PDB file of N, CA and C in Angstrom:
ATOM      1  N   UNK A   1      44.480 -22.631 -70.661  1.00  0.00           N
ATOM      2  CA  UNK A   1      44.030 -22.926 -72.019  1.00  0.00           C
ATOM      3  C   UNK A   1      45.113 -22.474 -72.987  1.00  0.00           C
ATOM      4  N   UNK A   2      45.445 -23.351 -73.903  1.00  0.00           N
ATOM      5  CA  UNK A   2      46.425 -23.061 -74.944  1.00  0.00           C
ATOM      6  C   UNK A   2      45.699 -23.158 -76.283  1.00  0.00           C
ATOM      7  N   UNK A   3      45.989 -22.255 -77.195  1.00  0.00           N
ATOM      8  CA  UNK A   3      45.425 -22.354 -78.536  1.00  0.00           C
ATOM      9  C   UNK A   3      46.552 -22.633 -79.513  1.00  0.00           C
ATOM     10  N   UNK A   4      46.367 -23.697 -80.282  1.00  0.00           N
ATOM     11  CA  UNK A   4      47.337 -24.085 -81.298  1.00  0.00           C
ATOM     12  C   UNK A   4      46.792 -23.779 -82.683  1.00  0.00           C
ATOM     13  N   UNK A   5      47.658 -23.311 -83.561  1.00  0.00           N
ATOM     14  CA  UNK A   5      47.337 -23.171 -84.977  1.00  0.00           C
ATOM     15  C   UNK A   5      47.855 -24.425 -85.669  1.00  0.00           C
ATOM     16  N   UNK A   6      46.964 -25.097 -86.428  1.00  0.00           N
ATOM     17  CA  UNK A   6      47.324 -26.336 -87.115  1.00  0.00           C
ATOM     18  C   UNK A   6      46.937 -26.192 -88.589  1.00  0.00           C
ATOM     19  N   UNK A   7      47.839 -25.672 -89.414  1.00  0.00           N
ATOM     20  CA  UNK A   7      47.513 -25.405 -90.819  1.00  0.00           C
ATOM     21  C   UNK A   7      47.070 -26.636 -91.616  1.00  0.00           C
ATOM     22  N   UNK A   8      47.527 -27.833 -91.246  1.00  0.00           N
ATOM     23  CA  UNK A   8      47.177 -29.042 -91.998  1.00  0.00           C
ATOM     24  C   UNK A   8      45.824 -29.623 -91.607  1.00  0.00           C
ATOM     25  N   UNK A   9      45.128 -29.016 -90.668  1.00  0.00           N
ATOM     26  CA  UNK A   9      43.815 -29.501 -90.227  1.00  0.00           C
ATOM     27  C   UNK A   9      42.762 -28.917 -91.165  1.00  0.00           C
ATOM     28  N   UNK A  10      42.335 -29.711 -92.137  1.00  0.00           N
ATOM     29  CA  UNK A  10      41.472 -29.198 -93.203  1.00  0.00           C
ATOM     30  C   UNK A  10      40.040 -29.705 -93.196  1.00  0.00           C
ATOM     31  N   UNK A  11      39.755 -30.776 -92.451  1.00  0.00           N
ATOM     32  CA  UNK A  11      38.424 -31.374 -92.544  1.00  0.00           C
ATOM     33  C   UNK A  11      38.016 -31.965 -91.200  1.00  0.00           C
ATOM     34  N   UNK A  12      36.814 -32.467 -91.156  1.00  0.00           N
ATOM     35  CA  UNK A  12      36.318 -33.081 -89.938  1.00  0.00           C
ATOM     36  C   UNK A  12      37.130 -34.285 -89.511  1.00  0.00           C
ATOM     37  N   UNK A  13      37.619 -35.046 -90.474  1.00  0.00           N
ATOM     38  CA  UNK A  13      38.463 -36.195 -90.156  1.00  0.00           C
ATOM     39  C   UNK A  13      39.758 -35.757 -89.498  1.00  0.00           C
ATOM     40  N   UNK A  14      40.336 -34.683 -90.001  1.00  0.00           N
ATOM     41  CA  UNK A  14      41.555 -34.119 -89.398  1.00  0.00           C
ATOM     42  C   UNK A  14      41.266 -33.661 -87.971  1.00  0.00           C
ATOM     43  N   UNK A  15      40.140 -32.994 -87.793  1.00  0.00           N
ATOM     44  CA  UNK A  15      39.770 -32.497 -86.475  1.00  0.00           C
ATOM     45  C   UNK A  15      39.610 -33.656 -85.496  1.00  0.00           C
ATOM     46  N   UNK A  16      39.004 -34.742 -85.944  1.00  0.00           N
ATOM     47  CA  UNK A  16      38.836 -35.914 -85.086  1.00  0.00           C
ATOM     48  C   UNK A  16      40.192 -36.520 -84.735  1.00  0.00           C
ATOM     49  N   UNK A  17      41.089 -36.588 -85.706  1.00  0.00           N
ATOM     50  CA  UNK A  17      42.429 -37.122 -85.454  1.00  0.00           C
ATOM     51  C   UNK A  17      43.177 -36.266 -84.440  1.00  0.00           C
ATOM     52  N   UNK A  18      43.098 -34.952 -84.592  1.00  0.00           N
ATOM     53  CA  UNK A  18      43.762 -34.035 -83.667  1.00  0.00           C
ATOM     54  C   UNK A  18      43.192 -34.213 -82.256  1.00  0.00           C
ATOM     55  N   UNK A  19      41.884 -34.313 -82.154  1.00  0.00           N
ATOM     56  CA  UNK A  19      41.244 -34.527 -80.856  1.00  0.00           C
ATOM     57  C   UNK A  19      41.727 -35.830 -80.230  1.00  0.00           C
ATOM     58  N   UNK A  20      41.773 -36.900 -81.030  1.00  0.00           N
ATOM     59  CA  UNK A  20      42.215 -38.196 -80.520  1.00  0.00           C
ATOM     60  C   UNK A  20      43.666 -38.149 -80.050  1.00  0.00           C
ATOM     61  N   UNK A  21      44.524 -37.474 -80.801  1.00  0.00           N
ATOM     62  CA  UNK A  21      45.940 -37.357 -80.421  1.00  0.00           C
ATOM     63  C   UNK A  21      46.066 -36.655 -79.074  1.00  0.00           C
ATOM     64  N   UNK A  22      45.342 -35.570 -78.897  1.00  0.00           N
ATOM     65  CA  UNK A  22      45.425 -34.822 -77.645  1.00  0.00           C
ATOM     66  C   UNK A  22      44.818 -35.604 -76.476  1.00  0.00           C
ATOM     67  N   UNK A  23      43.783 -36.379 -76.742  1.00  0.00           N
ATOM     68  CA  UNK A  23      43.198 -37.193 -75.681  1.00  0.00           C
ATOM     69  C   UNK A  23      44.094 -38.389 -75.329  1.00  0.00           C
ATOM     70  N   UNK A  24      44.983 -38.782 -76.221  1.00  0.00           N
ATOM     71  CA  UNK A  24      45.926 -39.850 -75.898  1.00  0.00           C
ATOM     72  C   UNK A  24      46.930 -39.400 -74.844  1.00  0.00           C
ATOM     73  N   UNK A  25      47.283 -38.131 -74.855  1.00  0.00           N
ATOM     74  CA  UNK A  25      48.241 -37.649 -73.848  1.00  0.00           C
ATOM     75  C   UNK A  25      47.540 -37.150 -72.587  1.00  0.00           C
ATOM     76  N   UNK A  26      46.230 -36.880 -72.673  1.00  0.00           N
ATOM     77  CA  UNK A  26      45.452 -36.467 -71.504  1.00  0.00           C
ATOM     78  C   UNK A  26      43.975 -36.769 -71.777  1.00  0.00           C
ATOM     79  N   UNK A  27      43.498 -37.890 -71.241  1.00  0.00           N
ATOM     80  CA  UNK A  27      42.128 -38.353 -71.508  1.00  0.00           C
ATOM     81  C   UNK A  27      41.062 -37.355 -71.105  1.00  0.00           C
ATOM     82  N   UNK A  28      41.341 -36.569 -70.078  1.00  0.00           N
ATOM     83  CA  UNK A  28      40.317 -35.672 -69.536  1.00  0.00           C
ATOM     84  C   UNK A  28      40.446 -34.236 -70.043  1.00  0.00           C
ATOM     85  N   UNK A  29      41.342 -34.015 -70.966  1.00  0.00           N
ATOM     86  CA  UNK A  29      41.573 -32.661 -71.479  1.00  0.00           C
ATOM     87  C   UNK A  29      40.345 -32.123 -72.202  1.00  0.00           C
ATOM     88  N   UNK A  30      40.200 -30.816 -72.141  1.00  0.00           N
ATOM     89  CA  UNK A  30      39.185 -30.123 -72.928  1.00  0.00           C
ATOM     90  C   UNK A  30      39.820 -29.764 -74.275  1.00  0.00           C
ATOM     91  N   UNK A  31      39.192 -30.214 -75.359  1.00  0.00           N
ATOM     92  CA  UNK A  31      39.699 -29.953 -76.705  1.00  0.00           C
ATOM     93  C   UNK A  31      38.562 -29.336 -77.512  1.00  0.00           C
ATOM     94  N   UNK A  32      38.766 -28.114 -77.991  1.00  0.00           N
ATOM     95  CA  UNK A  32      37.754 -27.416 -78.781  1.00  0.00           C
ATOM     96  C   UNK A  32      38.363 -27.048 -80.129  1.00  0.00           C
ATOM     97  N   UNK A  33      37.753 -27.536 -81.186  1.00  0.00           N
ATOM     98  CA  UNK A  33      38.255 -27.333 -82.541  1.00  0.00           C
ATOM     99  C   UNK A  33      37.525 -26.170 -83.216  1.00  0.00           C
ATOM    100  N   UNK A  34      38.283 -25.303 -83.877  1.00  0.00           N
ATOM    101  CA  UNK A  34      37.717 -24.281 -84.762  1.00  0.00           C
ATOM    102  C   UNK A  34      38.301 -24.553 -86.140  1.00  0.00           C
ATOM    103  N   UNK A  35      37.562 -25.332 -86.924  1.00  0.00           N
ATOM    104  CA  UNK A  35      38.068 -25.775 -88.226  1.00  0.00           C
ATOM    105  C   UNK A  35      38.256 -24.616 -89.196  1.00  0.00           C
ATOM    106  N   UNK A  36      37.384 -23.610 -89.130  1.00  0.00           N
ATOM    107  CA  UNK A  36      37.507 -22.457 -90.027  1.00  0.00           C
ATOM    108  C   UNK A  36      38.821 -21.715 -89.818  1.00  0.00           C
ATOM    109  N   UNK A  37      39.221 -21.577 -88.557  1.00  0.00           N
ATOM    110  CA  UNK A  37      40.472 -20.877 -88.237  1.00  0.00           C
ATOM    111  C   UNK A  37      41.674 -21.821 -88.212  1.00  0.00           C
ATOM    112  N   UNK A  38      41.392 -23.139 -88.314  1.00  0.00           N
ATOM    113  CA  UNK A  38      42.436 -24.167 -88.211  1.00  0.00           C
ATOM    114  C   UNK A  38      43.164 -24.057 -86.876  1.00  0.00           C
ATOM    115  N   UNK A  39      42.345 -23.928 -85.811  1.00  0.00           N
ATOM    116  CA  UNK A  39      42.880 -23.794 -84.467  1.00  0.00           C
ATOM    117  C   UNK A  39      42.219 -24.801 -83.535  1.00  0.00           C
ATOM    118  N   UNK A  40      42.945 -25.138 -82.487  1.00  0.00           N
ATOM    119  CA  UNK A  40      42.403 -26.005 -81.441  1.00  0.00           C
ATOM    120  C   UNK A  40      42.769 -25.402 -80.087  1.00  0.00           C
ATOM    121  N   UNK A  41      41.764 -25.305 -79.226  1.00  0.00           N
ATOM    122  CA  UNK A  41      41.980 -24.852 -77.852  1.00  0.00           C
ATOM    123  C   UNK A  41      42.121 -26.103 -76.999  1.00  0.00           C
ATOM    124  N   UNK A  42      43.181 -26.159 -76.210  1.00  0.00           N
ATOM    125  CA  UNK A  42      43.512 -27.338 -75.408  1.00  0.00           C
ATOM    126  C   UNK A  42      43.727 -26.921 -73.964  1.00  0.00           C
ATOM    127  N   UNK A  43      43.046 -27.616 -73.059  1.00  0.00           N
ATOM    128  CA  UNK A  43      43.262 -27.376 -71.634  1.00  0.00           C
ATOM    129  C   UNK A  43      43.323 -28.725 -70.945  1.00  0.00           C
ATOM    130  N   UNK A  44      44.482 -29.005 -70.372  1.00  0.00           N
ATOM    131  CA  UNK A  44      44.652 -30.282 -69.692  1.00  0.00           C
ATOM    132  C   UNK A  44      45.926 -30.303 -68.892  1.00  0.00           C
ATOM    133  N   UNK A  45      46.217 -31.474 -68.343  1.00  0.00           N
ATOM    134  CA  UNK A  45      47.384 -31.633 -67.480  1.00  0.00           C
ATOM    135  C   UNK A  45      48.686 -31.780 -68.274  1.00  0.00           C
ATOM    136  N   UNK A  46      48.596 -32.181 -69.536  1.00  0.00           N
ATOM    137  CA  UNK A  46      49.797 -32.353 -70.358  1.00  0.00           C
ATOM    138  C   UNK A  46      50.431 -30.992 -70.649  1.00  0.00           C
ATOM    139  N   UNK A  47      51.746 -30.988 -70.777  1.00  0.00           N
ATOM    140  CA  UNK A  47      52.452 -29.734 -71.054  1.00  0.00           C
ATOM    141  C   UNK A  47      52.231 -29.292 -72.498  1.00  0.00           C
ATOM    142  N   UNK A  48      52.494 -28.015 -72.732  1.00  0.00           N
ATOM    143  CA  UNK A  48      52.412 -27.485 -74.098  1.00  0.00           C
ATOM    144  C   UNK A  48      53.340 -28.269 -75.015  1.00  0.00           C
ATOM    145  N   UNK A  49      54.544 -28.548 -74.531  1.00  0.00           N
ATOM    146  CA  UNK A  49      55.520 -29.239 -75.360  1.00  0.00           C
ATOM    147  C   UNK A  49      55.075 -30.664 -75.668  1.00  0.00           C
ATOM    148  N   UNK A  50      54.485 -31.344 -74.688  1.00  0.00           N
ATOM    149  CA  UNK A  50      53.969 -32.700 -74.934  1.00  0.00           C
ATOM    150  C   UNK A  50      52.891 -32.664 -76.013  1.00  0.00           C
ATOM    151  N   UNK A  51      52.010 -31.674 -75.942  1.00  0.00           N
ATOM    152  CA  UNK A  51      50.947 -31.551 -76.938  1.00  0.00           C
ATOM    153  C   UNK A  51      51.540 -31.262 -78.320  1.00  0.00           C
ATOM    154  N   UNK A  52      52.498 -30.332 -78.382  1.00  0.00           N
ATOM    155  CA  UNK A  52      53.142 -30.024 -79.664  1.00  0.00           C
ATOM    156  C   UNK A  52      53.844 -31.255 -80.240  1.00  0.00           C
ATOM    157  N   UNK A  53      54.544 -31.993 -79.393  1.00  0.00           N
ATOM    158  CA  UNK A  53      55.251 -33.194 -79.850  1.00  0.00           C
ATOM    159  C   UNK A  53      54.288 -34.247 -80.368  1.00  0.00           C
ATOM    160  N   UNK A  54      53.174 -34.452 -79.659  1.00  0.00           N
ATOM    161  CA  UNK A  54      52.187 -35.451 -80.073  1.00  0.00           C
ATOM    162  C   UNK A  54      51.546 -35.063 -81.409  1.00  0.00           C
ATOM    163  N   UNK A  55      51.232 -33.788 -81.567  1.00  0.00           N
ATOM    164  CA  UNK A  55      50.644 -33.325 -82.831  1.00  0.00           C
ATOM    165  C   UNK A  55      51.630 -33.478 -83.984  1.00  0.00           C
ATOM    166  N   UNK A  56      52.881 -33.130 -83.742  1.00  0.00           N
ATOM    167  CA  UNK A  56      53.930 -33.262 -84.772  1.00  0.00           C
ATOM    168  C   UNK A  56      54.078 -34.718 -85.191  1.00  0.00           C
ATOM    169  N   UNK A  57      54.117 -35.621 -84.211  1.00  0.00           N
ATOM    170  CA  UNK A  57      54.282 -37.053 -84.494  1.00  0.00           C
ATOM    171  C   UNK A  57      53.103 -37.609 -85.291  1.00  0.00           C
ATOM    172  N   UNK A  58      51.936 -37.025 -85.099  1.00  0.00           N
ATOM    173  CA  UNK A  58      50.736 -37.480 -85.808  1.00  0.00           C
ATOM    174  C   UNK A  58      50.588 -36.847 -87.185  1.00  0.00           C
ATOM    175  N   UNK A  59      51.505 -35.973 -87.560  1.00  0.00           N
ATOM    176  CA  UNK A  59      51.449 -35.347 -88.870  1.00  0.00           C
ATOM    177  C   UNK A  59      50.698 -34.027 -88.910  1.00  0.00           C
ATOM    178  N   UNK A  60      50.491 -33.447 -87.729  1.00  0.00           N
ATOM    179  CA  UNK A  60      49.787 -32.162 -87.625  1.00  0.00           C
ATOM    180  C   UNK A  60      50.661 -31.158 -86.878  1.00  0.00           C
ATOM    181  N   UNK A  61      51.743 -30.696 -87.500  1.00  0.00           N
ATOM    182  CA  UNK A  61      52.608 -29.735 -86.818  1.00  0.00           C
ATOM    183  C   UNK A  61      51.802 -28.478 -86.429  1.00  0.00           C
ATOM    184  N   UNK A  62      52.074 -28.010 -85.222  1.00  0.00           N
ATOM    185  CA  UNK A  62      51.301 -26.884 -84.681  1.00  0.00           C
ATOM    186  C   UNK A  62      52.207 -25.823 -84.099  1.00  0.00           C
ATOM    187  N   UNK A  63      51.660 -24.628 -83.988  1.00  0.00           N
ATOM    188  CA  UNK A  63      52.329 -23.540 -83.284  1.00  0.00           C
ATOM    189  C   UNK A  63      51.351 -22.980 -82.268  1.00  0.00           C
ATOM    190  N   UNK A  64      51.884 -22.369 -81.226  1.00  0.00           N
ATOM    191  CA  UNK A  64      51.037 -21.784 -80.188  1.00  0.00           C
ATOM    192  C   UNK A  64      50.623 -20.392 -80.646  1.00  0.00           C
ATOM    193  N   UNK A  65      49.315 -20.114 -80.567  1.00  0.00           N
ATOM    194  CA  UNK A  65      48.828 -18.803 -80.973  1.00  0.00           C
ATOM    195  C   UNK A  65      48.529 -17.917 -79.779  1.00  0.00           C
ATOM    196  N   UNK A  66      48.301 -18.494 -78.604  1.00  0.00           N
ATOM    197  CA  UNK A  66      48.014 -17.695 -77.399  1.00  0.00           C
ATOM    198  C   UNK A  66      48.826 -18.214 -76.248  1.00  0.00           C
TER     199      UNK A  66
END
């Protein structure tokens, strides 16, 4: 499980977009959003770097918190 901090994730629409981006790189990944903390927990077969790259390309730059 990787936790990403995504400062630009401000609303439910953002959370849905982030979830969709991560599911594009791994359909079966577990994605858990914490909108209050602006964090997403991701567990899947895709690498951390692939997830970071996909989020960046979608306009949601992220950093790893754990």
